[in-house]
Amino acid sequence: MNWPTVPLKRLASIRTSNVDKKTVDDDPAVRLCNYTDVYYRDSINPSQDFMRATASPDQVTTFRLKTDDVIITKDSETADDIGVPTYVEASAPNLVCGYHLALIRPLQKAISGRFLFWAMASSLIRSQLEVAATGITRFGLRADAIGSATLALPPLPTQRAIADFLDAETARIDALIAKKRRMIELLDERDRRMIDECFAPRSGETLVRLARFANIQTGITLHEGRALEGEVVTLPYLRVANVQPGWLDLSEVKSVTIPKHMASRSTLRAGDVLMTEGGDRDKLGRGTVWRGEIPDCLHQNHVFAVRPDPLSLNSDYLGHLTRTSHARAYFEVTGSQSTNLASTSASKVADFAIPALSTDEQRARVDRYGRFTVRNKRISTALTKQVDLLAEHRQVLITAAVTGEIEVPGAGTS
């Protein structure tokens, strides 16, 4: 399509908001549309829940949302999160655009707000805004940089037809994505049920303390600024952040310099089951098997290394056992909790009750779960790939439609 390319500042007014989350006495009460409201929603309407705050009368006048407005994120920790748009479906007298956002109000005779939303969502505009963002640890956009972004401008009837087309097509794609994500969730639920079926204690099984078959090793205590005497070594060590529920995050492993004689006390061995002393509730008590991924790696004192006796307790069996509802119930009851954080202790880990099974039976249960996992992961991986491809197709479709690269039903040939 032979459409003119026009800078955004000729098609809309652009204002970057200065309305923060503070409440000031005597200022008008407002509902504040915040960064997350925009980032996670394609549209905004007054029926949704918004934060309660206040704004000055001038701010209310300047940043009150109106039907057909488009809001974008103007600040972010990463440049690729800059310029995420949402569309305002309906106005309300007390609904105001908040901080870290830019309010774009289309000139009605020049551009449709719905078409503008889809244009702002396209790779064409997003890439321009990403390049225009400035910053090092945090990125931001000025109003003039937003206004300098250019877009292809079809006639108004064509804009409306394109918006109708994208509304319908993206809704269809989003429904497919939601369905596949739900299937992935069901596979995760199936995995949790299988974990219980294979590893949770069964009726009639004898339970014993974990300490009967394993040692619970505490890690190194860091003393920043303390003078070190004698021969020292610098070694990697694991923190709570590295030990996730059922997996390890080794993307950032720190190092520590300690006296050489202390290193052996906290050096991990392949087969250790790592458990965190505290952190998110979902992490507490969930073991992760260390397989020697990093040589001579230590662990911090907030990470326990449970070292099973290989003649009595299989590491993989114990790791899976800590993910059962049996383990969850134990650590929730015995752990100290506040808000979303929780903590346990070496003595409570030692008291955790486990079935007294033969190592042959333990391995048989591990093997059974392993065969299930292979099938489950294969299906989950395929579904995840389909979701990624659908999301990519969605983005390509938006960009092609707003730039005239594809013919849209009812859009004509202008």
Protein backbone atom coordinates (compact mmCIF):
# COMPACT_ATOMS: atom_id res chain seq x y z
CA MET A 1 0.00 0.00 0.00
CA ASN A 2 1.25 3.48 -0.82
CA TRP A 3 0.54 5.22 2.47
CA PRO A 4 2.41 8.35 3.63
CA THR A 5 4.80 8.06 6.56
CA VAL A 6 3.98 10.59 9.27
CA PRO A 7 5.62 11.45 12.62
CA LEU A 8 3.41 10.71 15.60
CA LYS A 9 3.60 14.30 16.88
CA ARG A 10 1.53 15.40 13.85
CA LEU A 11 -1.22 12.93 14.69
CA ALA A 12 -1.56 13.13 18.48
CA SER A 13 -0.72 15.10 21.60
CA ILE A 14 1.86 13.40 23.84
CA ARG A 15 2.23 14.00 27.57
CA THR A 16 4.50 12.15 29.99
CA SER A 17 2.78 11.78 33.35
CA ASN A 18 4.10 13.12 36.65
CA VAL A 19 1.26 11.72 38.80
CA ASP A 20 2.86 9.59 41.52
CA LYS A 21 1.30 7.18 44.01
CA LYS A 22 1.37 9.57 46.96
CA THR A 23 -1.74 10.77 48.73
CA VAL A 24 -1.85 14.50 49.49
CA ASP A 25 -4.44 16.02 51.79
CA ASP A 26 -7.01 18.25 50.07
CA ASP A 27 -6.06 17.01 46.58
CA PRO A 28 -8.86 15.33 44.61
CA ALA A 29 -9.16 11.56 45.01
CA VAL A 30 -8.40 9.64 41.82
CA ARG A 31 -8.00 6.12 40.53
CA LEU A 32 -4.51 5.72 39.17
CA CYS A 33 -3.70 3.75 36.03
CA ASN A 34 -0.22 2.47 36.81
CA TYR A 35 2.62 0.88 34.87
CA THR A 36 1.48 -2.71 35.46
CA ASP A 37 -2.08 -1.88 34.40
CA VAL A 38 -0.70 -0.85 31.01
CA TYR A 39 2.00 -3.50 30.69
CA TYR A 40 -0.33 -6.46 31.26
CA ARG A 41 -3.49 -5.23 29.52
CA ASP A 42 -4.35 -4.49 25.91
CA SER A 43 -7.21 -2.26 27.01
CA ILE A 44 -8.29 -0.09 29.94
CA ASN A 45 -11.83 0.66 31.07
CA PRO A 46 -13.34 2.23 34.23
CA SER A 47 -14.83 -1.09 35.42
CA GLN A 48 -11.36 -2.47 36.22
CA ASP A 49 -9.68 -2.14 39.61
CA PHE A 50 -7.16 0.68 39.97
CA MET A 51 -5.03 2.04 42.78
CA ARG A 52 -6.55 4.80 44.91
CA ALA A 53 -4.47 7.98 45.14
CA THR A 54 -4.73 11.76 44.82
CA ALA A 55 -3.68 14.25 42.13
CA SER A 56 -3.66 18.00 41.89
CA PRO A 57 -6.54 19.65 39.99
CA ASP A 58 -4.13 20.51 37.14
CA GLN A 59 -2.93 16.90 36.97
CA VAL A 60 -6.49 15.62 36.86
CA THR A 61 -7.24 17.98 33.97
CA THR A 62 -4.07 17.09 32.07
CA PHE A 63 -3.89 13.34 32.63
CA ARG A 64 -7.51 12.22 32.95
CA LEU A 65 -8.07 9.32 30.59
CA LYS A 66 -10.55 9.71 27.76
CA THR A 67 -12.07 7.28 25.29
CA ASP A 68 -9.70 6.50 22.39
CA ASP A 69 -6.54 7.47 24.30
CA VAL A 70 -3.46 5.27 24.02
CA ILE A 71 -1.06 4.88 26.95
CA ILE A 72 2.47 3.52 26.64
CA THR A 73 5.22 2.57 29.10
CA LYS A 74 7.96 5.19 28.89
CA ASP A 75 10.42 3.88 31.52
CA SER A 76 11.78 0.40 32.12
CA GLU A 77 14.79 -1.54 33.32
CA THR A 78 15.20 -2.92 29.80
CA ALA A 79 14.83 -1.04 26.52
CA ASP A 80 12.66 -3.74 24.95
CA ASP A 81 9.93 -3.06 27.54
CA ILE A 82 9.69 0.55 26.37
CA GLY A 83 6.58 1.61 24.46
CA VAL A 84 4.20 -1.20 25.49
CA PRO A 85 0.73 0.21 24.65
CA THR A 86 -2.82 -0.12 25.92
CA TYR A 87 -6.07 1.34 24.58
CA VAL A 88 -8.57 3.31 26.67
CA GLU A 89 -12.03 1.95 25.92
CA ALA A 90 -14.02 4.45 27.98
CA SER A 91 -13.44 7.58 30.02
CA ALA A 92 -14.13 8.27 33.70
CA PRO A 93 -13.82 11.59 35.53
CA ASN A 94 -11.45 10.25 38.22
CA LEU A 95 -9.31 7.84 36.17
CA VAL A 96 -5.82 9.32 35.72
CA CYS A 97 -2.64 8.26 33.92
CA GLY A 98 0.15 7.52 36.42
CA TYR A 99 3.92 7.93 36.58
CA HIS A 100 6.34 6.16 34.17
CA LEU A 101 3.68 6.32 31.45
CA ALA A 102 2.99 8.54 28.45
CA LEU A 103 -0.54 9.59 27.46
CA ILE A 104 -1.07 9.77 23.70
CA ARG A 105 -4.32 11.45 22.62
CA PRO A 106 -5.07 11.05 18.89
CA LEU A 107 -6.33 13.93 16.77
CA GLN A 108 -9.70 12.48 15.79
CA LYS A 109 -9.67 13.83 12.24
CA ALA A 110 -6.22 12.37 11.61
CA ILE A 111 -6.03 8.95 13.24
CA SER A 112 -8.27 6.40 14.93
CA GLY A 113 -7.30 5.59 18.50
CA ARG A 114 -7.74 1.86 17.91
CA PHE A 115 -5.54 1.98 14.82
CA LEU A 116 -2.99 4.02 16.79
CA PHE A 117 -2.95 1.34 19.50
CA TRP A 118 -2.19 -1.38 16.96
CA ALA A 119 0.43 0.80 15.26
CA MET A 120 2.13 1.38 18.63
CA ALA A 121 2.05 -2.40 19.24
CA SER A 122 3.77 -3.11 15.92
CA SER A 123 7.44 -3.99 15.63
CA LEU A 124 7.87 -0.90 13.43
CA ILE A 125 7.09 1.53 16.26
CA ARG A 126 8.41 -0.61 19.12
CA SER A 127 11.84 -0.85 17.50
CA GLN A 128 11.97 2.93 16.96
CA LEU A 129 11.12 3.60 20.60
CA GLU A 130 13.61 1.00 21.79
CA VAL A 131 16.39 2.76 19.89
CA ALA A 132 15.23 6.18 21.13
CA ALA A 133 15.25 5.13 24.79
CA THR A 134 18.16 6.49 26.80
CA GLY A 135 19.80 5.13 29.93
CA ILE A 136 22.25 2.57 31.30
CA THR A 137 20.64 0.72 34.21
CA ARG A 138 17.18 2.16 33.55
CA PHE A 139 15.80 3.34 30.22
CA GLY A 140 13.38 6.17 29.50
CA LEU A 141 11.67 8.09 26.72
CA ARG A 142 11.09 11.81 26.42
CA ALA A 143 7.89 13.11 24.86
CA ASP A 144 9.79 14.51 21.86
CA ALA A 145 11.37 11.09 21.20
CA ILE A 146 7.93 9.47 21.23
CA GLY A 147 6.62 12.17 18.90
CA SER A 148 9.45 11.57 16.44
CA ALA A 149 8.43 7.95 15.85
CA THR A 150 6.93 7.54 12.38
CA LEU A 151 4.10 5.35 11.17
CA ALA A 152 2.34 4.59 7.89
CA LEU A 153 -0.96 6.49 7.77
CA PRO A 154 -3.81 5.03 5.69
CA PRO A 155 -7.17 6.83 5.27
CA LEU A 156 -9.50 6.74 8.30
CA PRO A 157 -11.88 4.12 6.84
CA THR A 158 -8.90 1.86 6.17
CA GLN A 159 -7.58 2.46 9.69
CA ARG A 160 -10.91 1.33 11.16
CA ALA A 161 -11.01 -1.76 8.95
CA ILE A 162 -7.45 -2.70 10.00
CA ALA A 163 -8.34 -2.22 13.67
CA ASP A 164 -11.43 -4.41 13.30
CA PHE A 165 -9.37 -7.08 11.54
CA LEU A 166 -6.66 -7.07 14.22
CA ASP A 167 -9.19 -7.08 17.05
CA ALA A 168 -10.72 -10.26 15.64
CA GLU A 169 -7.53 -12.04 14.55
CA THR A 170 -5.52 -11.34 17.69
CA ALA A 171 -8.48 -12.44 19.82
CA ARG A 172 -8.49 -15.74 17.94
CA ILE A 173 -4.72 -16.15 18.40
CA ASP A 174 -4.91 -15.16 22.08
CA ALA A 175 -7.62 -17.79 22.64
CA LEU A 176 -5.37 -20.45 21.09
CA ILE A 177 -2.44 -19.31 23.24
CA ALA A 178 -4.59 -19.38 26.38
CA LYS A 179 -5.78 -22.90 25.54
CA LYS A 180 -2.24 -24.19 25.07
CA ARG A 181 -1.03 -22.48 28.24
CA ARG A 182 -3.86 -24.15 30.11
CA MET A 183 -2.71 -27.49 28.70
CA ILE A 184 0.79 -26.76 30.02
CA GLU A 185 -0.71 -25.97 33.43
CA LEU A 186 -2.59 -29.26 33.36
CA LEU A 187 0.66 -31.08 32.59
CA ASP A 188 2.26 -29.35 35.59
CA GLU A 189 -0.67 -30.46 37.75
CA ARG A 190 -0.27 -33.98 36.40
CA ASP A 191 3.43 -33.85 37.33
CA ARG A 192 2.57 -32.84 40.90
CA ARG A 193 0.11 -35.72 41.18
CA MET A 194 2.72 -38.15 39.87
CA ILE A 195 5.30 -36.85 42.34
CA ASP A 196 2.90 -37.72 45.17
CA GLU A 197 1.98 -41.05 43.63
CA CYS A 198 5.61 -42.11 43.31
CA PHE A 199 7.23 -40.60 46.39
CA ALA A 200 4.75 -39.57 49.08
CA PRO A 201 4.61 -42.04 52.03
CA ARG A 202 2.04 -44.77 51.52
CA SER A 203 -0.24 -46.34 54.07
CA GLY A 204 1.60 -48.89 56.18
CA GLU A 205 5.11 -47.66 55.35
CA THR A 206 7.45 -47.09 58.29
CA LEU A 207 8.64 -43.50 58.63
CA VAL A 208 12.03 -42.53 60.07
CA ARG A 209 13.89 -39.28 60.64
CA LEU A 210 15.90 -38.05 57.67
CA ALA A 211 18.93 -37.73 59.97
CA ARG A 212 19.00 -41.54 60.26
CA PHE A 213 20.14 -41.85 56.64
CA ALA A 214 21.75 -38.46 55.91
CA ASN A 215 23.96 -35.74 57.37
CA ILE A 216 22.74 -32.14 57.23
CA GLN A 217 25.70 -29.92 56.46
CA THR A 218 25.53 -26.16 57.06
CA GLY A 219 27.50 -23.84 54.81
CA ILE A 220 30.02 -21.06 55.22
CA THR A 221 29.18 -17.88 57.08
CA LEU A 222 30.36 -14.81 55.22
CA HIS A 223 32.22 -12.18 57.26
CA GLU A 224 32.76 -9.20 54.99
CA GLY A 225 35.69 -7.03 55.95
CA ARG A 226 37.20 -9.61 58.29
CA ALA A 227 40.98 -9.95 58.07
CA LEU A 228 42.06 -13.35 56.74
CA GLU A 229 45.06 -15.14 58.20
CA GLY A 230 47.12 -17.96 56.75
CA GLU A 231 46.69 -19.52 53.30
CA VAL A 232 43.47 -18.45 51.54
CA VAL A 233 41.52 -19.69 48.52
CA THR A 234 38.89 -18.04 46.34
CA LEU A 235 36.06 -20.42 45.45
CA PRO A 236 32.53 -20.24 44.02
CA TYR A 237 29.62 -20.63 46.41
CA LEU A 238 25.86 -21.06 46.16
CA ARG A 239 23.34 -18.65 47.69
CA VAL A 240 19.62 -19.03 48.33
CA ALA A 241 19.00 -17.32 44.97
CA ASN A 242 20.84 -20.15 43.18
CA VAL A 243 18.67 -22.92 44.67
CA GLN A 244 15.23 -22.91 43.07
CA PRO A 245 12.40 -25.42 43.63
CA GLY A 246 13.63 -28.52 41.81
CA TRP A 247 16.33 -26.78 39.74
CA LEU A 248 19.46 -24.66 40.01
CA ASP A 249 19.94 -21.14 38.70
CA LEU A 250 23.66 -20.95 37.97
CA SER A 251 23.50 -17.85 35.77
CA GLU A 252 25.23 -15.82 38.49
CA VAL A 253 27.44 -17.67 40.95
CA LYS A 254 29.48 -15.51 43.31
CA SER A 255 32.92 -16.27 44.75
CA VAL A 256 34.32 -15.89 48.25
CA THR A 257 37.85 -15.77 49.65
CA ILE A 258 38.26 -17.82 52.83
CA PRO A 259 41.02 -19.59 54.79
CA LYS A 260 41.96 -22.79 52.99
CA HIS A 261 41.31 -25.00 56.02
CA MET A 262 37.65 -23.88 56.10
CA ALA A 263 36.89 -24.83 52.48
CA SER A 264 36.47 -28.56 53.03
CA ARG A 265 33.76 -28.01 55.63
CA SER A 266 31.37 -26.53 53.07
CA THR A 267 32.45 -28.06 49.76
CA LEU A 268 29.58 -29.67 47.90
CA ARG A 269 29.70 -33.25 46.67
CA ALA A 270 27.79 -34.73 43.76
CA GLY A 271 24.65 -36.29 45.20
CA ASP A 272 24.10 -33.66 47.90
CA VAL A 273 20.48 -32.51 48.11
CA LEU A 274 20.37 -28.72 48.50
CA MET A 275 17.64 -27.18 50.64
CA THR A 276 17.26 -23.51 51.55
CA GLU A 277 16.97 -22.26 55.11
CA GLY A 278 14.58 -19.48 54.08
CA GLY A 279 13.06 -17.48 51.26
CA ASP A 280 9.83 -17.71 49.31
CA ARG A 281 7.27 -20.12 50.75
CA ASP A 282 7.31 -22.13 47.54
CA LYS A 283 11.05 -22.80 47.95
CA LEU A 284 11.13 -23.84 51.59
CA GLY A 285 11.99 -27.50 52.02
CA ARG A 286 12.18 -28.31 48.31
CA GLY A 287 15.36 -30.19 47.57
CA THR A 288 17.51 -29.94 44.46
CA VAL A 289 20.16 -32.55 43.69
CA TRP A 290 23.68 -31.20 43.20
CA ARG A 291 25.45 -33.14 40.45
CA GLY A 292 28.84 -31.46 40.64
CA GLU A 293 28.02 -28.77 38.08
CA ILE A 294 30.82 -26.50 39.38
CA PRO A 295 34.06 -28.02 40.75
CA ASP A 296 35.07 -27.13 44.32
CA CYS A 297 31.83 -25.23 44.89
CA LEU A 298 30.88 -24.16 48.41
CA HIS A 299 27.47 -23.30 49.82
CA GLN A 300 26.40 -20.42 52.04
CA ASN A 301 25.09 -21.08 55.55
CA HIS A 302 21.52 -20.33 54.38
CA VAL A 303 21.69 -23.37 52.08
CA PHE A 304 21.74 -26.82 53.68
CA ALA A 305 23.54 -29.68 51.94
CA VAL A 306 21.77 -32.90 52.86
CA ARG A 307 24.29 -35.70 52.25
CA PRO A 308 22.57 -39.10 52.01
CA ASP A 309 24.28 -42.35 52.95
CA PRO A 310 24.44 -43.95 49.47
CA LEU A 311 23.90 -47.41 50.97
CA SER A 312 20.58 -46.36 52.49
CA LEU A 313 19.18 -43.34 50.67
CA ASN A 314 19.11 -42.44 46.97
CA SER A 315 19.73 -38.73 46.32
CA ASP A 316 17.21 -38.50 43.48
CA TYR A 317 14.59 -40.24 45.61
CA LEU A 318 15.13 -37.74 48.43
CA GLY A 319 15.09 -34.79 46.03
CA HIS A 320 11.73 -35.88 44.61
CA LEU A 321 10.36 -36.70 48.07
CA THR A 322 10.92 -33.09 49.18
CA ARG A 323 8.57 -31.95 46.39
CA THR A 324 5.60 -34.01 47.62
CA SER A 325 2.55 -32.68 49.45
CA HIS A 326 3.87 -34.65 52.47
CA ALA A 327 7.01 -32.48 52.52
CA ARG A 328 5.08 -29.28 51.81
CA ALA A 329 2.78 -29.92 54.78
CA TYR A 330 5.70 -30.68 57.11
CA PHE A 331 7.72 -27.57 56.29
CA GLU A 332 4.67 -25.31 56.31
CA VAL A 333 3.71 -26.54 59.78
CA THR A 334 7.21 -26.49 61.28
CA GLY A 335 8.61 -23.46 59.45
CA SER A 336 8.56 -19.88 60.67
CA GLN A 337 6.56 -17.68 58.31
CA SER A 338 6.00 -13.98 57.78
CA THR A 339 4.22 -12.48 54.78
CA ASN A 340 5.61 -14.37 51.75
CA LEU A 341 8.84 -15.44 53.45
CA ALA A 342 9.47 -18.58 55.46
CA SER A 343 12.38 -20.25 57.22
CA THR A 344 13.39 -23.59 58.68
CA SER A 345 16.41 -24.98 60.52
CA ALA A 346 18.89 -27.82 60.27
CA SER A 347 17.18 -29.61 63.17
CA LYS A 348 13.78 -29.46 61.43
CA VAL A 349 15.32 -30.78 58.23
CA ALA A 350 16.85 -33.59 60.28
CA ASP A 351 13.43 -34.41 61.77
CA PHE A 352 11.71 -34.64 58.39
CA ALA A 353 10.00 -38.07 58.22
CA ILE A 354 10.84 -40.25 55.22
CA PRO A 355 9.76 -43.80 54.32
CA ALA A 356 12.27 -46.51 55.30
CA LEU A 357 12.47 -48.18 51.88
CA SER A 358 15.14 -50.36 50.34
CA THR A 359 17.42 -48.62 47.85
CA ASP A 360 16.06 -50.96 45.14
CA GLU A 361 12.52 -49.73 45.82
CA GLN A 362 13.74 -46.12 45.88
CA ARG A 363 15.43 -46.52 42.48
CA ALA A 364 12.34 -48.23 41.06
CA ARG A 365 10.20 -45.24 42.03
CA VAL A 366 12.77 -42.81 40.62
CA ASP A 367 12.82 -44.78 37.34
CA ARG A 368 9.03 -44.83 37.13
CA TYR A 369 8.83 -41.08 37.61
CA GLY A 370 11.67 -40.58 35.13
CA ARG A 371 9.78 -42.44 32.38
CA PHE A 372 6.70 -40.32 33.07
CA THR A 373 8.76 -37.12 33.04
CA VAL A 374 10.25 -37.84 29.63
CA ARG A 375 6.77 -38.08 28.08
CA ASN A 376 5.39 -35.14 30.03
CA LYS A 377 8.29 -32.85 29.17
CA ARG A 378 8.14 -33.78 25.50
CA ILE A 379 4.50 -32.70 25.31
CA SER A 380 5.11 -29.58 27.43
CA THR A 381 8.08 -28.54 25.26
CA ALA A 382 6.03 -28.94 22.09
CA LEU A 383 3.19 -26.85 23.54
CA THR A 384 5.61 -24.14 24.69
CA LYS A 385 7.10 -23.98 21.20
CA GLN A 386 3.60 -23.64 19.72
CA VAL A 387 2.85 -20.77 22.12
CA ASP A 388 6.06 -19.01 21.07
CA LEU A 389 5.24 -19.45 17.38
CA LEU A 390 1.70 -18.15 17.87
CA ALA A 391 3.01 -15.09 19.75
CA GLU A 392 5.53 -14.48 16.95
CA HIS A 393 2.80 -14.86 14.31
CA ARG A 394 0.63 -12.40 16.23
CA GLN A 395 3.37 -9.78 16.22
CA VAL A 396 4.15 -10.29 12.53
CA LEU A 397 0.44 -10.02 11.68
CA ILE A 398 0.07 -6.73 13.58
CA THR A 399 3.08 -5.18 11.88
CA ALA A 400 2.06 -6.39 8.41
CA ALA A 401 -1.48 -5.05 8.82
CA VAL A 402 -0.58 -1.55 10.03
CA THR A 403 2.14 -1.11 7.40
CA GLY A 404 0.01 -2.30 4.47
CA GLU A 405 2.11 -5.40 3.78
CA ILE A 406 -1.02 -7.56 3.70
CA GLU A 407 -4.50 -6.92 2.35
CA VAL A 408 -7.08 -6.56 5.08
CA PRO A 409 -10.73 -7.39 4.32
CA GLY A 410 -12.76 -4.18 3.97
CA ALA A 411 -9.68 -1.94 3.98
CA GLY A 412 -9.80 -1.16 0.24
CA THR A 413 -6.71 -0.48 -1.80
CA SER A 414 -6.12 3.20 -1.00
